[in-house]
Amino acid sequence: MKARVLLADDHPRFPEMEARLLEPEFEVVGKVGNGQALIEEAMRLNRTSSSPIYPCPFLMELRP
């Protein structure tokens, strides 16, 4: 079973590139545009999915 990942990036095309790189080894369950949307989507997926995605390491670029 592949680890499930949810991608977030504020650059519109970057999540698509990330997904192409990750999909051979991971199941990409979604792509969102910012950190707040990442948290909201992870919570939604955990409520509605029969196999929730639990946060493994989160890697986020934080800017003031």
N, C-alpha and C. Protein backbone atom coordinates (compact mmCIF):
# COMPACT_ATOMS: atom_id res chain seq x y z
N MET A 1 0.84 -1.18 0.00
CA MET A 1 0.00 0.00 0.00
C MET A 1 0.88 1.25 0.00
N LYS A 2 0.60 2.16 -0.91
CA LYS A 2 1.37 3.39 -1.01
C LYS A 2 0.96 4.38 0.07
N ALA A 3 1.92 5.14 0.56
CA ALA A 3 1.61 6.23 1.48
C ALA A 3 0.81 7.28 0.73
N ARG A 4 -0.16 7.88 1.41
CA ARG A 4 -1.04 8.88 0.79
C ARG A 4 -0.53 10.27 1.14
N VAL A 5 -0.48 11.15 0.13
CA VAL A 5 0.00 12.51 0.36
C VAL A 5 -1.00 13.52 -0.21
N LEU A 6 -1.03 14.66 0.44
CA LEU A 6 -1.84 15.80 0.02
C LEU A 6 -0.87 16.93 -0.23
N LEU A 7 -0.89 17.50 -1.42
CA LEU A 7 0.08 18.52 -1.82
C LEU A 7 -0.51 19.92 -1.70
N ALA A 8 0.34 20.85 -1.30
CA ALA A 8 -0.06 22.26 -1.24
C ALA A 8 1.09 23.12 -1.74
N ASP A 9 0.77 24.06 -2.59
CA ASP A 9 1.76 25.03 -3.05
C ASP A 9 1.04 26.23 -3.63
N ASP A 10 1.60 27.42 -3.41
CA ASP A 10 0.96 28.63 -3.92
C ASP A 10 1.31 28.92 -5.37
N HIS A 11 2.19 28.15 -5.96
CA HIS A 11 2.49 28.28 -7.38
C HIS A 11 1.57 27.32 -8.14
N PRO A 12 0.71 27.80 -9.01
CA PRO A 12 -0.34 26.98 -9.62
C PRO A 12 0.14 25.70 -10.32
N ARG A 13 1.27 25.73 -10.97
CA ARG A 13 1.71 24.56 -11.73
C ARG A 13 2.57 23.60 -10.91
N PHE A 14 3.10 24.05 -9.80
CA PHE A 14 4.04 23.23 -9.04
C PHE A 14 3.42 21.95 -8.49
N PRO A 15 2.20 21.95 -7.94
CA PRO A 15 1.64 20.68 -7.45
C PRO A 15 1.52 19.60 -8.54
N GLU A 16 1.25 20.01 -9.77
CA GLU A 16 1.20 19.03 -10.86
C GLU A 16 2.56 18.39 -11.09
N MET A 17 3.61 19.21 -11.06
CA MET A 17 4.97 18.67 -11.22
C MET A 17 5.33 17.76 -10.05
N GLU A 18 4.99 18.21 -8.83
CA GLU A 18 5.26 17.39 -7.65
C GLU A 18 4.55 16.05 -7.76
N ALA A 19 3.29 16.08 -8.17
CA ALA A 19 2.50 14.85 -8.28
C ALA A 19 3.15 13.88 -9.25
N ARG A 20 3.59 14.36 -10.39
CA ARG A 20 4.22 13.48 -11.39
C ARG A 20 5.47 12.81 -10.81
N LEU A 21 6.21 13.56 -10.00
CA LEU A 21 7.41 12.99 -9.39
C LEU A 21 7.08 11.98 -8.29
N LEU A 22 6.03 12.25 -7.54
CA LEU A 22 5.70 11.42 -6.38
C LEU A 22 4.85 10.19 -6.69
N GLU A 23 4.03 10.26 -7.74
CA GLU A 23 3.05 9.21 -7.99
C GLU A 23 3.62 7.80 -8.17
N PRO A 24 4.83 7.62 -8.64
CA PRO A 24 5.31 6.23 -8.70
C PRO A 24 5.41 5.57 -7.32
N GLU A 25 5.66 6.38 -6.28
CA GLU A 25 5.86 5.82 -4.94
C GLU A 25 4.76 6.16 -3.95
N PHE A 26 3.93 7.18 -4.24
CA PHE A 26 2.92 7.66 -3.31
C PHE A 26 1.57 7.78 -4.02
N GLU A 27 0.50 7.75 -3.24
CA GLU A 27 -0.83 8.03 -3.76
C GLU A 27 -1.14 9.50 -3.47
N VAL A 28 -1.21 10.32 -4.48
CA VAL A 28 -1.52 11.74 -4.31
C VAL A 28 -3.04 11.86 -4.21
N VAL A 29 -3.52 12.26 -3.02
CA VAL A 29 -4.97 12.30 -2.79
C VAL A 29 -5.58 13.68 -3.03
N GLY A 30 -4.74 14.69 -3.28
CA GLY A 30 -5.27 16.01 -3.57
C GLY A 30 -4.18 17.04 -3.70
N LYS A 31 -4.58 18.18 -4.25
CA LYS A 31 -3.67 19.31 -4.44
C LYS A 31 -4.43 20.57 -4.08
N VAL A 32 -3.82 21.41 -3.25
CA VAL A 32 -4.45 22.66 -2.84
C VAL A 32 -3.45 23.80 -2.97
N GLY A 33 -3.96 25.04 -2.83
CA GLY A 33 -3.13 26.20 -3.12
C GLY A 33 -2.45 26.89 -1.95
N ASN A 34 -2.74 26.48 -0.70
CA ASN A 34 -2.07 27.14 0.44
C ASN A 34 -2.17 26.27 1.69
N GLY A 35 -1.48 26.70 2.74
CA GLY A 35 -1.43 25.93 3.98
C GLY A 35 -2.77 25.79 4.66
N GLN A 36 -3.57 26.85 4.67
CA GLN A 36 -4.89 26.78 5.30
C GLN A 36 -5.77 25.75 4.57
N ALA A 37 -5.73 25.78 3.25
CA ALA A 37 -6.50 24.81 2.46
C ALA A 37 -5.99 23.39 2.70
N LEU A 38 -4.68 23.25 2.91
CA LEU A 38 -4.10 21.94 3.20
C LEU A 38 -4.70 21.35 4.48
N ILE A 39 -4.76 22.15 5.52
CA ILE A 39 -5.31 21.69 6.80
C ILE A 39 -6.79 21.36 6.65
N GLU A 40 -7.53 22.24 5.98
CA GLU A 40 -8.97 22.01 5.80
C GLU A 40 -9.23 20.75 4.97
N GLU A 41 -8.47 20.56 3.91
CA GLU A 41 -8.67 19.39 3.05
C GLU A 41 -8.27 18.10 3.78
N ALA A 42 -7.19 18.14 4.55
CA ALA A 42 -6.78 16.96 5.32
C ALA A 42 -7.87 16.58 6.32
N MET A 43 -8.46 17.57 6.98
CA MET A 43 -9.54 17.29 7.93
C MET A 43 -10.76 16.72 7.21
N ARG A 44 -11.11 17.30 6.05
CA ARG A 44 -12.24 16.80 5.27
C ARG A 44 -12.01 15.37 4.82
N LEU A 45 -10.82 15.09 4.30
CA LEU A 45 -10.50 13.74 3.84
C LEU A 45 -10.56 12.74 4.99
N ASN A 46 -10.08 13.14 6.16
CA ASN A 46 -10.10 12.24 7.31
C ASN A 46 -11.52 11.95 7.76
N ARG A 47 -12.44 12.91 7.61
CA ARG A 47 -13.84 12.70 8.01
C ARG A 47 -14.59 11.85 7.00
N THR A 48 -14.28 11.98 5.71
CA THR A 48 -15.10 11.36 4.68
C THR A 48 -14.50 10.11 4.05
N SER A 49 -13.26 9.82 4.32
CA SER A 49 -12.60 8.69 3.66
C SER A 49 -12.70 7.42 4.48
N SER A 50 -12.84 6.29 3.81
CA SER A 50 -12.82 5.01 4.51
C SER A 50 -11.40 4.66 4.98
N SER A 51 -10.39 5.24 4.34
CA SER A 51 -9.01 5.07 4.80
C SER A 51 -8.39 6.46 4.88
N PRO A 52 -8.55 7.11 6.03
CA PRO A 52 -8.11 8.49 6.18
C PRO A 52 -6.61 8.66 5.99
N ILE A 53 -6.24 9.88 5.63
CA ILE A 53 -4.81 10.19 5.56
C ILE A 53 -4.44 10.82 6.89
N TYR A 54 -3.55 10.22 7.58
CA TYR A 54 -3.07 10.79 8.84
C TYR A 54 -1.78 11.51 8.54
N PRO A 55 -1.61 12.67 9.15
CA PRO A 55 -0.41 13.43 8.81
C PRO A 55 0.85 12.67 9.20
N CYS A 56 1.65 12.40 8.21
CA CYS A 56 3.00 11.94 8.43
C CYS A 56 3.80 13.22 8.47
N PRO A 57 5.02 13.21 8.13
CA PRO A 57 5.73 14.50 8.16
C PRO A 57 5.07 15.50 7.21
N PHE A 58 4.86 16.68 7.70
CA PHE A 58 4.36 17.79 6.87
C PHE A 58 5.58 18.64 6.54
N LEU A 59 5.75 18.97 5.29
CA LEU A 59 6.82 19.86 4.90
C LEU A 59 6.15 21.08 4.29
N MET A 60 6.31 22.20 4.96
CA MET A 60 5.66 23.43 4.50
C MET A 60 6.68 24.56 4.50
N GLU A 61 6.59 25.39 3.49
CA GLU A 61 7.39 26.60 3.44
C GLU A 61 6.55 27.70 4.08
N LEU A 62 7.08 28.26 5.14
CA LEU A 62 6.36 29.31 5.85
C LEU A 62 6.99 30.67 5.55
N ARG A 63 6.14 31.62 5.23
CA ARG A 63 6.61 32.99 4.97
C ARG A 63 5.78 33.95 5.79
N PRO A 64 6.42 35.02 6.25
CA PRO A 64 5.66 36.02 7.02
C PRO A 64 4.66 36.76 6.15
